[in-house]
């Protein structure tokens, strides 16, 4: 059996990736930076707060808001 994903799975994954990128790019700048630092840069909330000049708790709220928006966009198209 071929272990590679089906063409339908590949297409769905590409669509989900495109939606995710578009959702991230549409975030307010500070929220986008916080989410990218957390998810892609593996920074702690404390590090994010210091880098953005905000409190650790606000950094956490921004990251959560970023994740929420991305999830919501994916749900809207049935990709989550």
C-alpha atoms as a PDB file:
ATOM      1  CA  UNK A   1       0.000   0.000   0.000  1.00  0.00           C
ATOM      2  CA  UNK A   2       1.173   3.508  -0.821  1.00  0.00           C
ATOM      3  CA  UNK A   3       1.702   5.446   2.443  1.00  0.00           C
ATOM      4  CA  UNK A   4       1.559   8.858   0.739  1.00  0.00           C
ATOM      5  CA  UNK A   5      -1.528  11.003   1.322  1.00  0.00           C
ATOM      6  CA  UNK A   6      -4.345  10.983  -1.181  1.00  0.00           C
ATOM      7  CA  UNK A   7      -4.708  13.868  -3.637  1.00  0.00           C
ATOM      8  CA  UNK A   8      -7.781  14.996  -1.692  1.00  0.00           C
ATOM      9  CA  UNK A   9      -5.793  15.115   1.553  1.00  0.00           C
ATOM     10  CA  UNK A  10      -3.002  17.074  -0.120  1.00  0.00           C
ATOM     11  CA  UNK A  11      -5.498  19.566  -1.554  1.00  0.00           C
ATOM     12  CA  UNK A  12      -7.262  19.978   1.806  1.00  0.00           C
ATOM     13  CA  UNK A  13      -3.952  20.478   3.609  1.00  0.00           C
ATOM     14  CA  UNK A  14      -2.863  23.103   1.084  1.00  0.00           C
ATOM     15  CA  UNK A  15      -6.173  24.912   1.472  1.00  0.00           C
ATOM     16  CA  UNK A  16      -5.844  24.853   5.269  1.00  0.00           C
ATOM     17  CA  UNK A  17      -2.303  26.210   5.032  1.00  0.00           C
ATOM     18  CA  UNK A  18      -3.385  29.030   2.706  1.00  0.00           C
ATOM     19  CA  UNK A  19      -6.238  29.952   5.059  1.00  0.00           C
ATOM     20  CA  UNK A  20      -3.901  29.867   8.052  1.00  0.00           C
ATOM     21  CA  UNK A  21      -1.370  32.154   6.354  1.00  0.00           C
ATOM     22  CA  UNK A  22      -4.111  34.569   5.275  1.00  0.00           C
ATOM     23  CA  UNK A  23      -5.569  34.615   8.797  1.00  0.00           C
ATOM     24  CA  UNK A  24      -2.177  35.325  10.353  1.00  0.00           C
ATOM     25  CA  UNK A  25      -1.473  38.079   7.834  1.00  0.00           C
ATOM     26  CA  UNK A  26      -4.833  39.701   8.647  1.00  0.00           C
ATOM     27  CA  UNK A  27      -4.119  39.943  12.379  1.00  0.00           C
ATOM     28  CA  UNK A  28      -3.294  43.281  13.956  1.00  0.00           C
ATOM     29  CA  UNK A  29       0.484  43.710  13.867  1.00  0.00           C
ATOM     30  CA  UNK A  30       1.096  43.209  17.592  1.00  0.00           C
ATOM     31  CA  UNK A  31      -1.111  40.110  17.704  1.00  0.00           C
ATOM     32  CA  UNK A  32       0.577  38.694  14.618  1.00  0.00           C
ATOM     33  CA  UNK A  33       4.047  39.291  16.054  1.00  0.00           C
ATOM     34  CA  UNK A  34       3.087  37.700  19.372  1.00  0.00           C
ATOM     35  CA  UNK A  35       1.616  34.642  17.657  1.00  0.00           C
ATOM     36  CA  UNK A  36       4.584  34.241  15.317  1.00  0.00           C
ATOM     37  CA  UNK A  37       7.075  34.599  18.178  1.00  0.00           C
ATOM     38  CA  UNK A  38       5.195  32.014  20.207  1.00  0.00           C
ATOM     39  CA  UNK A  39       4.438  29.475  17.500  1.00  0.00           C
ATOM     40  CA  UNK A  40       7.336  29.882  15.106  1.00  0.00           C
ATOM     41  CA  UNK A  41      10.015  31.318  17.368  1.00  0.00           C
ATOM     42  CA  UNK A  42       9.261  29.177  20.432  1.00  0.00           C
ATOM     43  CA  UNK A  43       9.481  32.268  22.662  1.00  0.00           C
ATOM     44  CA  UNK A  44       7.963  32.324  26.116  1.00  0.00           C
ATOM     45  CA  UNK A  45       5.208  34.778  26.971  1.00  0.00           C
ATOM     46  CA  UNK A  46       7.695  36.667  29.123  1.00  0.00           C
ATOM     47  CA  UNK A  47      10.100  36.975  26.184  1.00  0.00           C
ATOM     48  CA  UNK A  48       7.282  38.115  23.913  1.00  0.00           C
ATOM     49  CA  UNK A  49       6.165  40.702  26.428  1.00  0.00           C
ATOM     50  CA  UNK A  50       9.665  42.118  26.781  1.00  0.00           C
ATOM     51  CA  UNK A  51      10.224  42.200  23.009  1.00  0.00           C
ATOM     52  CA  UNK A  52       6.918  43.984  22.389  1.00  0.00           C
ATOM     53  CA  UNK A  53       7.103  46.226  25.455  1.00  0.00           C
ATOM     54  CA  UNK A  54       3.945  44.781  27.016  1.00  0.00           C
ATOM     55  CA  UNK A  55       3.080  42.742  30.093  1.00  0.00           C
ATOM     56  CA  UNK A  56       3.363  38.979  30.103  1.00  0.00           C
ATOM     57  CA  UNK A  57      -0.389  38.675  30.641  1.00  0.00           C
ATOM     58  CA  UNK A  58      -1.126  40.866  27.625  1.00  0.00           C
ATOM     59  CA  UNK A  59       1.318  38.814  25.569  1.00  0.00           C
ATOM     60  CA  UNK A  60      -0.645  35.718  26.574  1.00  0.00           C
ATOM     61  CA  UNK A  61      -3.941  37.314  25.599  1.00  0.00           C
ATOM     62  CA  UNK A  62      -2.551  38.344  22.210  1.00  0.00           C
ATOM     63  CA  UNK A  63      -1.263  34.835  21.499  1.00  0.00           C
ATOM     64  CA  UNK A  64      -4.591  33.294  22.496  1.00  0.00           C
ATOM     65  CA  UNK A  65      -6.486  35.799  20.350  1.00  0.00           C
ATOM     66  CA  UNK A  66      -4.261  34.960  17.391  1.00  0.00           C
ATOM     67  CA  UNK A  67      -4.893  31.243  17.798  1.00  0.00           C
ATOM     68  CA  UNK A  68      -8.628  31.855  18.212  1.00  0.00           C
ATOM     69  CA  UNK A  69      -8.856  33.845  14.990  1.00  0.00           C
ATOM     70  CA  UNK A  70      -6.896  31.259  12.998  1.00  0.00           C
ATOM     71  CA  UNK A  71      -9.066  28.415  14.361  1.00  0.00           C
ATOM     72  CA  UNK A  72     -12.248  30.355  13.587  1.00  0.00           C
ATOM     73  CA  UNK A  73     -11.167  30.971   9.984  1.00  0.00           C
ATOM     74  CA  UNK A  74     -10.366  27.284   9.546  1.00  0.00           C
ATOM     75  CA  UNK A  75     -13.732  26.288  11.048  1.00  0.00           C
ATOM     76  CA  UNK A  76     -15.558  28.628   8.681  1.00  0.00           C
ATOM     77  CA  UNK A  77     -14.380  26.546   5.734  1.00  0.00           C
ATOM     78  CA  UNK A  78     -14.619  23.216   7.530  1.00  0.00           C
ATOM     79  CA  UNK A  79     -10.865  22.718   7.678  1.00  0.00           C
ATOM     80  CA  UNK A  80     -10.679  22.422  11.459  1.00  0.00           C
END
